[in-house]
Amino acid sequence: MATKPTPPPLQLRPELWLDARRALWLPSLRLLVVADLHWGYAETHRRRGNLLPLWGDDEIAARLRGLIDAYRPDEMLWLGDSLHAVAGRTSAERFLAAPGTPRVTIIAGNHDGRWERATVREATRAGCYFHHGDGAPSVPDGHLEIVGHHHPAVTWNDGAGTRVKLPALVESPRRLILPAFSPWAAGTPWNDRVQPDETLWAVAPHRIFRWRATERPPAPPVAG
């Protein structure tokens, strides 16, 4: 069976594009931004005696490599919680050391404590102010705040037991909340949290679409 191609990115602002692989692209800076990778989720839990399957890190690496191949960025920005815990840093360190990895700026999140690579708390690029989102720093005047941390998601329920949940991006005139990059992230339902000036973008692997309160889940494709 043929794999569906990744859809073209969605333009949020003149210099901000949302990729369905849960990444933000700033073409003028050749900058890729992702949040909440949680490298080492399974490894961390297994070290604590929770025998999760060793799954997730290869998927993170493959999706990042696909983004790098597609955009050829000069810089990547990991917007906090790059690790699930410092004990699970093995795959992240391997990825960062691999040939072809661009410069990576790692912003510290609440899960990154004691990781020597995560020492930066904030970054400013071309009118955008980046931080993890677990605090409330003062945003510079005239800057768009871009955060992670919250793992926003969109959910639907048809009332008969069928439930659909997708990662989401929250957009407002003053702030973007990025979807979690981790395949382990369950996501925080954001349907009832949307403010009047916010737009909620559902991010499916092959489609990005605006959520509206009256919408039902997308119809499944017809077999044939």
N, C-alpha and C. Protein backbone atom coordinates (compact mmCIF):
# COMPACT_ATOMS: atom_id res chain seq x y z
N MET A 1 0.85 -1.19 0.00
CA MET A 1 0.00 0.00 0.00
C MET A 1 0.89 1.25 0.00
N ALA A 2 0.59 2.18 -0.90
CA ALA A 2 1.38 3.40 -1.00
C ALA A 2 1.16 4.29 0.22
N THR A 3 2.23 4.95 0.66
CA THR A 3 2.14 5.88 1.78
C THR A 3 1.67 7.23 1.28
N LYS A 4 0.72 7.83 1.97
CA LYS A 4 0.24 9.15 1.57
C LYS A 4 1.34 10.18 1.77
N PRO A 5 1.48 11.11 0.81
CA PRO A 5 2.49 12.15 1.00
C PRO A 5 2.08 13.12 2.10
N THR A 6 3.08 13.75 2.71
CA THR A 6 2.80 14.77 3.71
C THR A 6 2.16 15.97 3.03
N PRO A 7 1.08 16.53 3.58
CA PRO A 7 0.44 17.68 2.94
C PRO A 7 1.34 18.91 3.00
N PRO A 8 1.10 19.89 2.13
CA PRO A 8 1.89 21.12 2.20
C PRO A 8 1.63 21.83 3.53
N PRO A 9 2.62 22.59 4.03
CA PRO A 9 2.43 23.27 5.31
C PRO A 9 1.35 24.35 5.21
N LEU A 10 0.78 24.65 6.35
CA LEU A 10 -0.27 25.67 6.47
C LEU A 10 0.37 27.00 6.87
N GLN A 11 0.09 28.06 6.13
CA GLN A 11 0.63 29.37 6.47
C GLN A 11 -0.23 30.02 7.56
N LEU A 12 0.37 30.23 8.72
CA LEU A 12 -0.31 30.89 9.83
C LEU A 12 -0.13 32.40 9.79
N ARG A 13 1.08 32.82 9.46
CA ARG A 13 1.48 34.22 9.32
C ARG A 13 2.40 34.31 8.12
N PRO A 14 2.74 35.51 7.66
CA PRO A 14 3.64 35.60 6.50
C PRO A 14 4.93 34.80 6.66
N GLU A 15 5.47 34.70 7.88
CA GLU A 15 6.73 33.99 8.07
C GLU A 15 6.61 32.83 9.06
N LEU A 16 5.41 32.27 9.19
CA LEU A 16 5.19 31.13 10.09
C LEU A 16 4.34 30.09 9.38
N TRP A 17 4.88 28.89 9.24
CA TRP A 17 4.19 27.81 8.55
C TRP A 17 4.12 26.59 9.48
N LEU A 18 2.96 25.95 9.53
CA LEU A 18 2.75 24.76 10.34
C LEU A 18 2.83 23.52 9.48
N ASP A 19 3.74 22.62 9.80
CA ASP A 19 3.89 21.36 9.09
C ASP A 19 3.11 20.28 9.83
N ALA A 20 2.49 19.36 9.08
CA ALA A 20 1.67 18.31 9.69
C ALA A 20 2.48 17.35 10.53
N ARG A 21 3.80 17.40 10.43
CA ARG A 21 4.66 16.59 11.28
C ARG A 21 4.91 17.27 12.63
N ARG A 22 4.06 18.24 12.97
CA ARG A 22 4.05 18.93 14.27
C ARG A 22 5.27 19.83 14.45
N ALA A 23 5.60 20.55 13.41
CA ALA A 23 6.74 21.47 13.44
C ALA A 23 6.33 22.82 12.88
N LEU A 24 7.01 23.85 13.34
CA LEU A 24 6.82 25.21 12.86
C LEU A 24 8.04 25.58 12.03
N TRP A 25 7.81 26.19 10.87
CA TRP A 25 8.88 26.56 9.95
C TRP A 25 8.89 28.06 9.75
N LEU A 26 10.05 28.69 9.96
CA LEU A 26 10.25 30.11 9.72
C LEU A 26 11.22 30.25 8.55
N PRO A 27 10.72 30.42 7.34
CA PRO A 27 11.60 30.35 6.16
C PRO A 27 12.65 31.45 6.09
N SER A 28 12.34 32.67 6.56
CA SER A 28 13.32 33.74 6.47
C SER A 28 14.57 33.45 7.31
N LEU A 29 14.40 32.68 8.39
CA LEU A 29 15.51 32.29 9.26
C LEU A 29 16.02 30.89 8.98
N ARG A 30 15.30 30.16 8.13
CA ARG A 30 15.57 28.74 7.91
C ARG A 30 15.64 28.02 9.25
N LEU A 31 14.58 28.23 10.02
CA LEU A 31 14.48 27.73 11.40
C LEU A 31 13.30 26.78 11.54
N LEU A 32 13.56 25.59 12.07
CA LEU A 32 12.51 24.63 12.41
C LEU A 32 12.34 24.60 13.92
N VAL A 33 11.08 24.62 14.38
CA VAL A 33 10.79 24.64 15.81
C VAL A 33 9.89 23.47 16.15
N VAL A 34 10.26 22.70 17.17
CA VAL A 34 9.42 21.61 17.68
C VAL A 34 9.40 21.71 19.20
N ALA A 35 8.39 21.16 19.81
CA ALA A 35 8.23 21.24 21.26
C ALA A 35 7.91 19.87 21.84
N ASP A 36 8.37 19.64 23.07
CA ASP A 36 7.95 18.47 23.84
C ASP A 36 8.22 17.16 23.10
N LEU A 37 9.50 16.93 22.80
CA LEU A 37 9.87 15.67 22.15
C LEU A 37 9.83 14.50 23.13
N HIS A 38 10.18 14.75 24.38
CA HIS A 38 10.19 13.71 25.41
C HIS A 38 10.99 12.48 24.97
N TRP A 39 12.20 12.75 24.42
CA TRP A 39 13.11 11.64 24.12
C TRP A 39 13.26 10.76 25.37
N GLY A 40 13.35 9.47 25.15
CA GLY A 40 13.64 8.55 26.25
C GLY A 40 12.46 8.26 27.16
N TYR A 41 11.25 8.47 26.68
CA TYR A 41 10.07 8.21 27.53
C TYR A 41 10.06 6.76 27.99
N ALA A 42 10.19 5.82 27.04
CA ALA A 42 10.15 4.40 27.40
C ALA A 42 11.38 4.01 28.21
N GLU A 43 12.55 4.50 27.80
CA GLU A 43 13.78 4.17 28.51
C GLU A 43 13.69 4.62 29.97
N THR A 44 13.19 5.82 30.20
CA THR A 44 13.05 6.34 31.55
C THR A 44 12.13 5.46 32.39
N HIS A 45 10.99 5.08 31.82
CA HIS A 45 10.05 4.25 32.58
C HIS A 45 10.62 2.87 32.86
N ARG A 46 11.35 2.31 31.91
CA ARG A 46 11.94 0.99 32.13
C ARG A 46 12.99 1.03 33.24
N ARG A 47 13.73 2.11 33.33
CA ARG A 47 14.71 2.25 34.41
C ARG A 47 14.01 2.32 35.77
N ARG A 48 12.75 2.74 35.76
CA ARG A 48 11.99 2.84 37.00
C ARG A 48 11.18 1.58 37.28
N GLY A 49 11.34 0.55 36.43
CA GLY A 49 10.65 -0.71 36.65
C GLY A 49 9.34 -0.85 35.91
N ASN A 50 8.96 0.15 35.11
CA ASN A 50 7.74 0.07 34.31
C ASN A 50 8.11 -0.43 32.92
N LEU A 51 7.78 -1.65 32.60
CA LEU A 51 8.30 -2.29 31.39
C LEU A 51 7.49 -1.93 30.15
N LEU A 52 7.61 -0.67 29.77
CA LEU A 52 7.01 -0.23 28.51
C LEU A 52 7.80 -0.78 27.33
N PRO A 53 7.16 -0.97 26.18
CA PRO A 53 7.91 -1.39 25.00
C PRO A 53 8.90 -0.29 24.60
N LEU A 54 10.07 -0.72 24.12
CA LEU A 54 11.08 0.25 23.69
C LEU A 54 10.67 0.83 22.34
N TRP A 55 9.80 1.79 22.40
CA TRP A 55 9.19 2.39 21.21
C TRP A 55 9.17 3.89 21.41
N GLY A 56 9.27 4.63 20.33
CA GLY A 56 9.10 6.07 20.38
C GLY A 56 10.30 6.85 19.89
N ASP A 57 11.50 6.53 20.37
CA ASP A 57 12.66 7.33 20.01
C ASP A 57 13.01 7.21 18.53
N ASP A 58 12.90 6.03 17.96
CA ASP A 58 13.17 5.88 16.53
C ASP A 58 12.17 6.69 15.71
N GLU A 59 10.93 6.74 16.18
CA GLU A 59 9.90 7.51 15.47
C GLU A 59 10.20 9.01 15.54
N ILE A 60 10.66 9.48 16.71
CA ILE A 60 11.05 10.88 16.84
C ILE A 60 12.19 11.21 15.88
N ALA A 61 13.22 10.37 15.87
CA ALA A 61 14.37 10.60 15.01
C ALA A 61 13.98 10.60 13.53
N ALA A 62 13.13 9.66 13.13
CA ALA A 62 12.73 9.57 11.73
C ALA A 62 11.94 10.79 11.30
N ARG A 63 11.05 11.27 12.16
CA ARG A 63 10.26 12.45 11.81
C ARG A 63 11.14 13.70 11.73
N LEU A 64 12.09 13.81 12.65
CA LEU A 64 13.03 14.94 12.60
C LEU A 64 13.88 14.87 11.33
N ARG A 65 14.35 13.69 10.98
CA ARG A 65 15.16 13.55 9.77
C ARG A 65 14.34 13.90 8.52
N GLY A 66 13.08 13.51 8.52
CA GLY A 66 12.22 13.87 7.40
C GLY A 66 12.05 15.37 7.27
N LEU A 67 11.90 16.05 8.41
CA LEU A 67 11.79 17.51 8.39
C LEU A 67 13.09 18.16 7.92
N ILE A 68 14.22 17.65 8.39
CA ILE A 68 15.52 18.19 7.98
C ILE A 68 15.71 18.01 6.47
N ASP A 69 15.36 16.84 5.95
CA ASP A 69 15.49 16.59 4.51
C ASP A 69 14.59 17.50 3.71
N ALA A 70 13.39 17.78 4.24
CA ALA A 70 12.43 18.60 3.50
C ALA A 70 12.79 20.08 3.49
N TYR A 71 13.29 20.58 4.61
CA TYR A 71 13.48 22.03 4.75
C TYR A 71 14.94 22.48 4.73
N ARG A 72 15.86 21.60 4.99
CA ARG A 72 17.28 21.96 5.06
C ARG A 72 17.50 23.17 5.96
N PRO A 73 17.10 23.09 7.23
CA PRO A 73 17.19 24.26 8.11
C PRO A 73 18.64 24.58 8.48
N ASP A 74 18.88 25.85 8.77
CA ASP A 74 20.17 26.24 9.34
C ASP A 74 20.19 26.00 10.86
N GLU A 75 19.01 25.99 11.46
CA GLU A 75 18.91 25.82 12.91
C GLU A 75 17.61 25.11 13.25
N MET A 76 17.66 24.27 14.28
CA MET A 76 16.46 23.72 14.89
C MET A 76 16.37 24.26 16.31
N LEU A 77 15.15 24.51 16.75
CA LEU A 77 14.92 24.96 18.12
C LEU A 77 14.00 23.95 18.79
N TRP A 78 14.50 23.32 19.86
CA TRP A 78 13.70 22.38 20.65
C TRP A 78 13.16 23.16 21.83
N LEU A 79 11.83 23.26 21.89
CA LEU A 79 11.18 24.23 22.76
C LEU A 79 10.83 23.65 24.13
N GLY A 80 11.77 22.94 24.73
CA GLY A 80 11.57 22.46 26.10
C GLY A 80 10.97 21.07 26.18
N ASP A 81 11.24 20.40 27.31
CA ASP A 81 10.89 18.99 27.51
C ASP A 81 11.39 18.14 26.35
N SER A 82 12.62 18.42 25.95
CA SER A 82 13.25 17.62 24.91
C SER A 82 13.48 16.19 25.41
N LEU A 83 13.79 16.03 26.70
CA LEU A 83 13.87 14.72 27.33
C LEU A 83 12.66 14.49 28.21
N HIS A 84 12.32 13.22 28.41
CA HIS A 84 11.32 12.93 29.44
C HIS A 84 11.96 12.99 30.82
N ALA A 85 13.21 12.54 30.90
CA ALA A 85 14.04 12.67 32.10
C ALA A 85 15.48 12.49 31.65
N VAL A 86 16.41 12.99 32.43
CA VAL A 86 17.80 12.93 32.01
C VAL A 86 18.29 11.49 31.85
N ALA A 87 17.68 10.55 32.56
CA ALA A 87 18.07 9.14 32.43
C ALA A 87 17.79 8.60 31.04
N GLY A 88 16.90 9.23 30.29
CA GLY A 88 16.55 8.74 28.96
C GLY A 88 17.17 9.53 27.83
N ARG A 89 18.34 10.11 28.06
CA ARG A 89 18.94 11.01 27.07
C ARG A 89 19.70 10.29 25.96
N THR A 90 19.84 8.98 26.01
CA THR A 90 20.71 8.27 25.08
C THR A 90 20.38 8.56 23.62
N SER A 91 19.12 8.43 23.24
CA SER A 91 18.74 8.62 21.84
C SER A 91 18.89 10.07 21.41
N ALA A 92 18.58 11.00 22.31
CA ALA A 92 18.74 12.42 21.98
C ALA A 92 20.19 12.75 21.72
N GLU A 93 21.08 12.25 22.56
CA GLU A 93 22.50 12.51 22.38
C GLU A 93 22.99 11.90 21.06
N ARG A 94 22.51 10.72 20.74
CA ARG A 94 22.91 10.07 19.49
C ARG A 94 22.45 10.89 18.29
N PHE A 95 21.22 11.39 18.35
CA PHE A 95 20.70 12.20 17.25
C PHE A 95 21.52 13.48 17.08
N LEU A 96 21.82 14.15 18.18
CA LEU A 96 22.56 15.41 18.11
C LEU A 96 23.97 15.23 17.57
N ALA A 97 24.55 14.06 17.80
CA ALA A 97 25.92 13.80 17.35
C ALA A 97 26.00 13.26 15.93
N ALA A 98 24.86 12.93 15.34
CA ALA A 98 24.86 12.29 14.02
C ALA A 98 25.22 13.28 12.92
N PRO A 99 25.91 12.82 11.87
CA PRO A 99 26.20 13.69 10.72
C PRO A 99 24.90 14.20 10.10
N GLY A 100 24.94 15.43 9.63
CA GLY A 100 23.76 16.00 8.98
C GLY A 100 22.80 16.71 9.89
N THR A 101 23.04 16.65 11.21
CA THR A 101 22.17 17.36 12.14
C THR A 101 22.55 18.84 12.15
N PRO A 102 21.60 19.74 11.90
CA PRO A 102 21.94 21.16 11.92
C PRO A 102 22.18 21.65 13.35
N ARG A 103 22.53 22.90 13.48
CA ARG A 103 22.67 23.50 14.81
C ARG A 103 21.34 23.40 15.55
N VAL A 104 21.37 22.94 16.79
CA VAL A 104 20.16 22.79 17.59
C VAL A 104 20.28 23.64 18.84
N THR A 105 19.31 24.54 19.03
CA THR A 105 19.20 25.32 20.25
C THR A 105 18.18 24.64 21.15
N ILE A 106 18.57 24.29 22.36
CA ILE A 106 17.72 23.51 23.26
C ILE A 106 17.29 24.41 24.42
N ILE A 107 16.00 24.73 24.44
CA ILE A 107 15.44 25.52 25.54
C ILE A 107 15.03 24.57 26.66
N ALA A 108 15.35 24.95 27.87
CA ALA A 108 15.06 24.09 29.02
C ALA A 108 13.56 24.07 29.32
N GLY A 109 13.05 22.88 29.62
CA GLY A 109 11.69 22.70 30.09
C GLY A 109 11.69 22.05 31.46
N ASN A 110 10.52 21.82 32.00
CA ASN A 110 10.45 21.27 33.36
C ASN A 110 10.89 19.81 33.44
N HIS A 111 10.99 19.10 32.30
CA HIS A 111 11.48 17.72 32.30
C HIS A 111 12.98 17.63 32.03
N ASP A 112 13.62 18.75 31.74
CA ASP A 112 15.01 18.71 31.28
C ASP A 112 16.03 18.96 32.38
N GLY A 113 15.61 18.95 33.62
CA GLY A 113 16.51 19.26 34.72
C GLY A 113 17.75 18.37 34.72
N ARG A 114 18.89 18.98 34.97
CA ARG A 114 20.19 18.31 35.09
C ARG A 114 20.75 17.85 33.75
N TRP A 115 20.08 18.16 32.63
CA TRP A 115 20.69 17.86 31.32
C TRP A 115 21.56 19.05 30.94
N GLU A 116 22.84 18.80 30.79
CA GLU A 116 23.79 19.90 30.60
C GLU A 116 23.58 20.64 29.29
N ARG A 117 22.89 20.03 28.33
CA ARG A 117 22.63 20.71 27.06
C ARG A 117 21.48 21.73 27.17
N ALA A 118 20.62 21.57 28.15
CA ALA A 118 19.41 22.42 28.26
C ALA A 118 19.66 23.50 29.31
N THR A 119 20.34 24.55 28.91
CA THR A 119 20.65 25.64 29.83
C THR A 119 19.99 26.95 29.44
N VAL A 120 19.48 27.04 28.22
CA VAL A 120 18.84 28.27 27.73
C VAL A 120 17.38 28.26 28.16
N ARG A 121 16.90 29.35 28.71
CA ARG A 121 15.51 29.42 29.17
C ARG A 121 14.58 30.11 28.16
N GLU A 122 15.15 30.86 27.24
CA GLU A 122 14.33 31.61 26.28
C GLU A 122 15.17 31.95 25.06
N ALA A 123 14.51 32.32 23.98
CA ALA A 123 15.21 32.74 22.77
C ALA A 123 14.32 33.72 22.01
N THR A 124 14.94 34.65 21.34
CA THR A 124 14.23 35.63 20.52
C THR A 124 14.74 35.54 19.09
N ARG A 125 13.82 35.40 18.15
CA ARG A 125 14.16 35.32 16.74
C ARG A 125 13.12 36.09 15.94
N ALA A 126 13.53 37.13 15.24
CA ALA A 126 12.70 37.81 14.23
C ALA A 126 11.29 38.13 14.73
N GLY A 127 11.21 38.77 15.88
CA GLY A 127 9.91 39.18 16.41
C GLY A 127 9.15 38.08 17.12
N CYS A 128 9.77 36.93 17.33
CA CYS A 128 9.14 35.83 18.06
C CYS A 128 9.91 35.59 19.36
N TYR A 129 9.17 35.34 20.42
CA TYR A 129 9.77 35.08 21.73
C TYR A 129 9.43 33.66 22.13
N PHE A 130 10.46 32.82 22.23
CA PHE A 130 10.28 31.40 22.49
C PHE A 130 10.64 31.08 23.94
N HIS A 131 9.78 30.32 24.61
CA HIS A 131 10.14 29.70 25.89
C HIS A 131 9.28 28.45 26.04
N HIS A 132 9.55 27.65 27.06
CA HIS A 132 8.86 26.36 27.14
C HIS A 132 7.37 26.52 27.41
N GLY A 133 7.01 27.40 28.33
CA GLY A 133 5.59 27.60 28.63
C GLY A 133 5.20 27.19 30.03
N ASP A 134 6.17 26.70 30.82
CA ASP A 134 5.85 26.29 32.19
C ASP A 134 5.95 27.46 33.16
N GLY A 135 6.41 28.61 32.69
CA GLY A 135 6.46 29.81 33.51
C GLY A 135 5.73 30.95 32.82
N ALA A 136 5.85 32.14 33.38
CA ALA A 136 5.18 33.31 32.82
C ALA A 136 6.16 34.47 32.73
N PRO A 137 7.17 34.34 31.88
CA PRO A 137 8.13 35.43 31.74
C PRO A 137 7.50 36.63 31.04
N SER A 138 8.16 37.76 31.12
CA SER A 138 7.68 38.96 30.47
C SER A 138 8.03 38.89 28.98
N VAL A 139 7.00 38.97 28.14
CA VAL A 139 7.20 38.91 26.70
C VAL A 139 7.61 40.29 26.19
N PRO A 140 8.69 40.39 25.43
CA PRO A 140 9.10 41.70 24.90
C PRO A 140 7.98 42.34 24.07
N ASP A 141 7.88 43.63 24.15
CA ASP A 141 6.86 44.35 23.39
C ASP A 141 6.97 44.04 21.91
N GLY A 142 5.82 43.83 21.30
CA GLY A 142 5.77 43.61 19.87
C GLY A 142 6.18 42.23 19.41
N HIS A 143 6.40 41.31 20.34
CA HIS A 143 6.82 39.96 19.99
C HIS A 143 5.66 38.98 20.12
N LEU A 144 5.67 37.98 19.25
CA LEU A 144 4.73 36.87 19.32
C LEU A 144 5.31 35.81 20.24
N GLU A 145 4.57 35.41 21.26
CA GLU A 145 5.00 34.38 22.20
C GLU A 145 4.74 33.01 21.60
N ILE A 146 5.75 32.14 21.61
CA ILE A 146 5.60 30.79 21.08
C ILE A 146 6.08 29.82 22.14
N VAL A 147 5.17 28.90 22.56
CA VAL A 147 5.45 28.00 23.67
C VAL A 147 5.03 26.58 23.33
N GLY A 148 5.44 25.64 24.17
CA GLY A 148 4.97 24.26 24.13
C GLY A 148 4.30 23.95 25.45
N HIS A 149 4.74 22.86 26.10
CA HIS A 149 4.39 22.49 27.48
C HIS A 149 2.98 21.95 27.66
N HIS A 150 1.99 22.52 27.01
CA HIS A 150 0.58 22.21 27.32
C HIS A 150 0.03 21.01 26.55
N HIS A 151 0.72 20.56 25.48
CA HIS A 151 0.28 19.40 24.70
C HIS A 151 -1.18 19.54 24.24
N PRO A 152 -1.57 20.63 23.59
CA PRO A 152 -2.98 20.79 23.20
C PRO A 152 -3.43 19.72 22.22
N ALA A 153 -4.71 19.37 22.31
CA ALA A 153 -5.30 18.36 21.43
C ALA A 153 -6.77 18.72 21.16
N VAL A 154 -7.30 18.15 20.11
CA VAL A 154 -8.71 18.27 19.75
C VAL A 154 -9.35 16.90 19.90
N THR A 155 -10.52 16.84 20.50
CA THR A 155 -11.24 15.57 20.65
C THR A 155 -12.64 15.69 20.09
N TRP A 156 -13.13 14.58 19.57
CA TRP A 156 -14.51 14.46 19.15
C TRP A 156 -15.08 13.19 19.78
N ASN A 157 -16.38 13.19 20.02
CA ASN A 157 -17.09 12.02 20.52
C ASN A 157 -18.46 12.01 19.87
N ASP A 158 -18.81 10.89 19.21
CA ASP A 158 -20.08 10.85 18.50
C ASP A 158 -21.25 10.44 19.39
N GLY A 159 -20.96 10.23 20.69
CA GLY A 159 -22.03 9.85 21.61
C GLY A 159 -22.34 8.37 21.60
N ALA A 160 -21.72 7.61 20.69
CA ALA A 160 -21.99 6.18 20.60
C ALA A 160 -20.74 5.35 20.88
N GLY A 161 -19.72 6.00 21.43
CA GLY A 161 -18.52 5.27 21.80
C GLY A 161 -17.31 5.54 20.93
N THR A 162 -17.51 6.17 19.78
CA THR A 162 -16.39 6.49 18.90
C THR A 162 -15.76 7.81 19.35
N ARG A 163 -14.44 7.80 19.49
CA ARG A 163 -13.72 8.98 19.95
C ARG A 163 -12.49 9.20 19.09
N VAL A 164 -12.30 10.43 18.67
CA VAL A 164 -11.15 10.82 17.87
C VAL A 164 -10.39 11.89 18.62
N LYS A 165 -9.04 11.75 18.66
CA LYS A 165 -8.21 12.73 19.34
C LYS A 165 -6.98 13.02 18.49
N LEU A 166 -6.70 14.30 18.27
CA LEU A 166 -5.57 14.71 17.45
C LEU A 166 -4.79 15.81 18.15
N PRO A 167 -3.47 15.83 17.97
CA PRO A 167 -2.71 16.97 18.48
C PRO A 167 -3.15 18.25 17.79
N ALA A 168 -2.91 19.37 18.44
CA ALA A 168 -3.42 20.64 17.90
C ALA A 168 -2.44 21.78 18.17
N LEU A 169 -2.58 22.82 17.39
CA LEU A 169 -1.88 24.08 17.63
C LEU A 169 -2.92 25.13 17.99
N VAL A 170 -2.63 25.91 19.02
CA VAL A 170 -3.51 27.00 19.46
C VAL A 170 -2.91 28.31 18.98
N GLU A 171 -3.68 29.07 18.20
CA GLU A 171 -3.21 30.33 17.63
C GLU A 171 -4.04 31.49 18.11
N SER A 172 -3.37 32.53 18.56
CA SER A 172 -4.04 33.79 18.87
C SER A 172 -3.16 34.92 18.35
N PRO A 173 -3.65 36.17 18.35
CA PRO A 173 -2.81 37.27 17.86
C PRO A 173 -1.52 37.44 18.63
N ARG A 174 -1.48 36.98 19.87
CA ARG A 174 -0.31 37.23 20.72
C ARG A 174 0.51 35.99 21.04
N ARG A 175 -0.04 34.77 20.75
CA ARG A 175 0.63 33.56 21.22
C ARG A 175 0.30 32.36 20.34
N LEU A 176 1.30 31.46 20.19
CA LEU A 176 1.08 30.13 19.62
C LEU A 176 1.46 29.10 20.68
N ILE A 177 0.64 28.06 20.81
CA ILE A 177 0.97 26.91 21.64
C ILE A 177 1.13 25.74 20.69
N LEU A 178 2.34 25.18 20.63
CA LEU A 178 2.63 24.13 19.66
C LEU A 178 2.16 22.77 20.14
N PRO A 179 1.82 21.88 19.20
CA PRO A 179 1.51 20.50 19.59
C PRO A 179 2.76 19.79 20.08
N ALA A 180 2.57 18.81 20.94
CA ALA A 180 3.70 17.99 21.40
C ALA A 180 4.21 17.14 20.25
N PHE A 181 5.53 17.06 20.12
CA PHE A 181 6.15 16.27 19.06
C PHE A 181 6.20 14.79 19.42
N SER A 182 6.20 14.47 20.70
CA SER A 182 6.36 13.09 21.15
C SER A 182 5.20 12.20 20.70
N PRO A 183 5.49 10.99 20.18
CA PRO A 183 4.40 10.06 19.86
C PRO A 183 3.72 9.49 21.10
N TRP A 184 4.35 9.65 22.26
CA TRP A 184 3.75 9.18 23.50
C TRP A 184 2.77 10.21 24.10
N ALA A 185 2.79 11.45 23.63
CA ALA A 185 1.99 12.50 24.26
C ALA A 185 0.50 12.25 24.01
N ALA A 186 -0.25 12.08 25.08
CA ALA A 186 -1.69 11.85 24.93
C ALA A 186 -2.41 13.12 24.50
N GLY A 187 -1.96 14.26 24.95
CA GLY A 187 -2.59 15.53 24.58
C GLY A 187 -3.64 15.96 25.57
N THR A 188 -3.71 17.26 25.80
CA THR A 188 -4.71 17.85 26.70
C THR A 188 -5.87 18.38 25.88
N PRO A 189 -7.09 17.85 26.04
CA PRO A 189 -8.22 18.35 25.25
C PRO A 189 -8.39 19.86 25.43
N TRP A 190 -8.44 20.55 24.30
CA TRP A 190 -8.48 22.01 24.31
C TRP A 190 -9.81 22.56 23.82
N ASN A 191 -10.74 21.69 23.46
CA ASN A 191 -12.01 22.14 22.89
C ASN A 191 -12.69 23.19 23.74
N ASP A 192 -12.74 22.96 25.05
CA ASP A 192 -13.47 23.86 25.94
C ASP A 192 -12.59 24.97 26.51
N ARG A 193 -11.33 25.02 26.08
CA ARG A 193 -10.41 26.05 26.58
C ARG A 193 -10.20 27.18 25.57
N VAL A 194 -10.72 27.03 24.38
CA VAL A 194 -10.46 28.01 23.32
C VAL A 194 -11.08 29.36 23.69
N GLN A 195 -10.27 30.39 23.65
CA GLN A 195 -10.73 31.74 23.94
C GLN A 195 -11.29 32.39 22.67
N PRO A 196 -12.08 33.46 22.83
CA PRO A 196 -12.71 34.09 21.65
C PRO A 196 -11.74 34.52 20.56
N ASP A 197 -10.50 34.88 20.94
CA ASP A 197 -9.55 35.35 19.93
C ASP A 197 -8.60 34.25 19.48
N GLU A 198 -8.89 32.98 19.82
CA GLU A 198 -8.00 31.88 19.47
C GLU A 198 -8.59 30.99 18.37
N THR A 199 -7.70 30.41 17.61
CA THR A 199 -8.05 29.40 16.61
C THR A 199 -7.36 28.10 16.99
N LEU A 200 -8.08 27.01 16.89
CA LEU A 200 -7.55 25.69 17.21
C LEU A 200 -7.39 24.91 15.91
N TRP A 201 -6.13 24.57 15.61
CA TRP A 201 -5.82 23.82 14.39
C TRP A 201 -5.54 22.36 14.74
N ALA A 202 -6.36 21.46 14.24
CA ALA A 202 -6.12 20.03 14.42
C ALA A 202 -5.04 19.58 13.44
N VAL A 203 -4.08 18.79 13.94
CA VAL A 203 -2.92 18.40 13.14
C VAL A 203 -2.93 16.88 12.97
N ALA A 204 -3.48 16.44 11.85
CA ALA A 204 -3.48 15.02 11.50
C ALA A 204 -2.30 14.74 10.58
N PRO A 205 -1.87 13.48 10.47
CA PRO A 205 -0.69 13.19 9.64
C PRO A 205 -0.83 13.63 8.19
N HIS A 206 -2.05 13.65 7.65
CA HIS A 206 -2.23 13.96 6.24
C HIS A 206 -3.16 15.14 6.01
N ARG A 207 -3.42 15.91 7.08
CA ARG A 207 -4.33 17.04 6.92
C ARG A 207 -4.23 17.93 8.15
N ILE A 208 -4.24 19.25 7.92
CA ILE A 208 -4.37 20.23 9.00
C ILE A 208 -5.66 20.98 8.76
N PHE A 209 -6.50 21.09 9.77
CA PHE A 209 -7.77 21.78 9.57
C PHE A 209 -8.20 22.51 10.84
N ARG A 210 -8.99 23.54 10.63
CA ARG A 210 -9.48 24.35 11.74
C ARG A 210 -10.63 23.64 12.43
N TRP A 211 -10.56 23.56 13.76
CA TRP A 211 -11.63 22.96 14.53
C TRP A 211 -12.70 23.99 14.83
N ARG A 212 -13.93 23.57 14.66
CA ARG A 212 -15.08 24.39 15.03
C ARG A 212 -15.97 23.57 15.95
N ALA A 213 -16.61 24.24 16.89
CA ALA A 213 -17.37 23.53 17.92
C ALA A 213 -18.47 22.65 17.34
N THR A 214 -18.96 22.97 16.17
CA THR A 214 -20.06 22.20 15.57
C THR A 214 -19.57 21.06 14.70
N GLU A 215 -18.25 20.93 14.53
CA GLU A 215 -17.74 19.92 13.61
C GLU A 215 -17.77 18.53 14.20
N ARG A 216 -17.95 17.55 13.32
CA ARG A 216 -17.81 16.14 13.66
C ARG A 216 -16.47 15.66 13.14
N PRO A 217 -16.01 14.48 13.54
CA PRO A 217 -14.76 13.97 13.00
C PRO A 217 -14.83 13.84 11.49
N PRO A 218 -13.69 14.00 10.78
CA PRO A 218 -13.69 13.81 9.33
C PRO A 218 -14.18 12.42 8.98
N ALA A 219 -14.97 12.33 7.90
CA ALA A 219 -15.47 11.03 7.46
C ALA A 219 -14.33 10.14 7.01
N PRO A 220 -14.37 8.84 7.35
CA PRO A 220 -13.30 7.94 6.90
C PRO A 220 -13.36 7.76 5.39
N PRO A 221 -12.23 7.47 4.74
CA PRO A 221 -12.24 7.25 3.30
C PRO A 221 -13.07 6.03 2.94
N VAL A 222 -13.69 6.08 1.78
CA VAL A 222 -14.51 4.97 1.31
C VAL A 222 -13.60 3.93 0.66
N ALA A 223 -13.70 2.69 1.11
CA ALA A 223 -12.87 1.63 0.52
C ALA A 223 -13.34 1.33 -0.88
N GLY A 224 -12.41 0.96 -1.73
CA GLY A 224 -12.81 0.61 -3.08
C GLY A 224 -11.64 0.58 -4.02
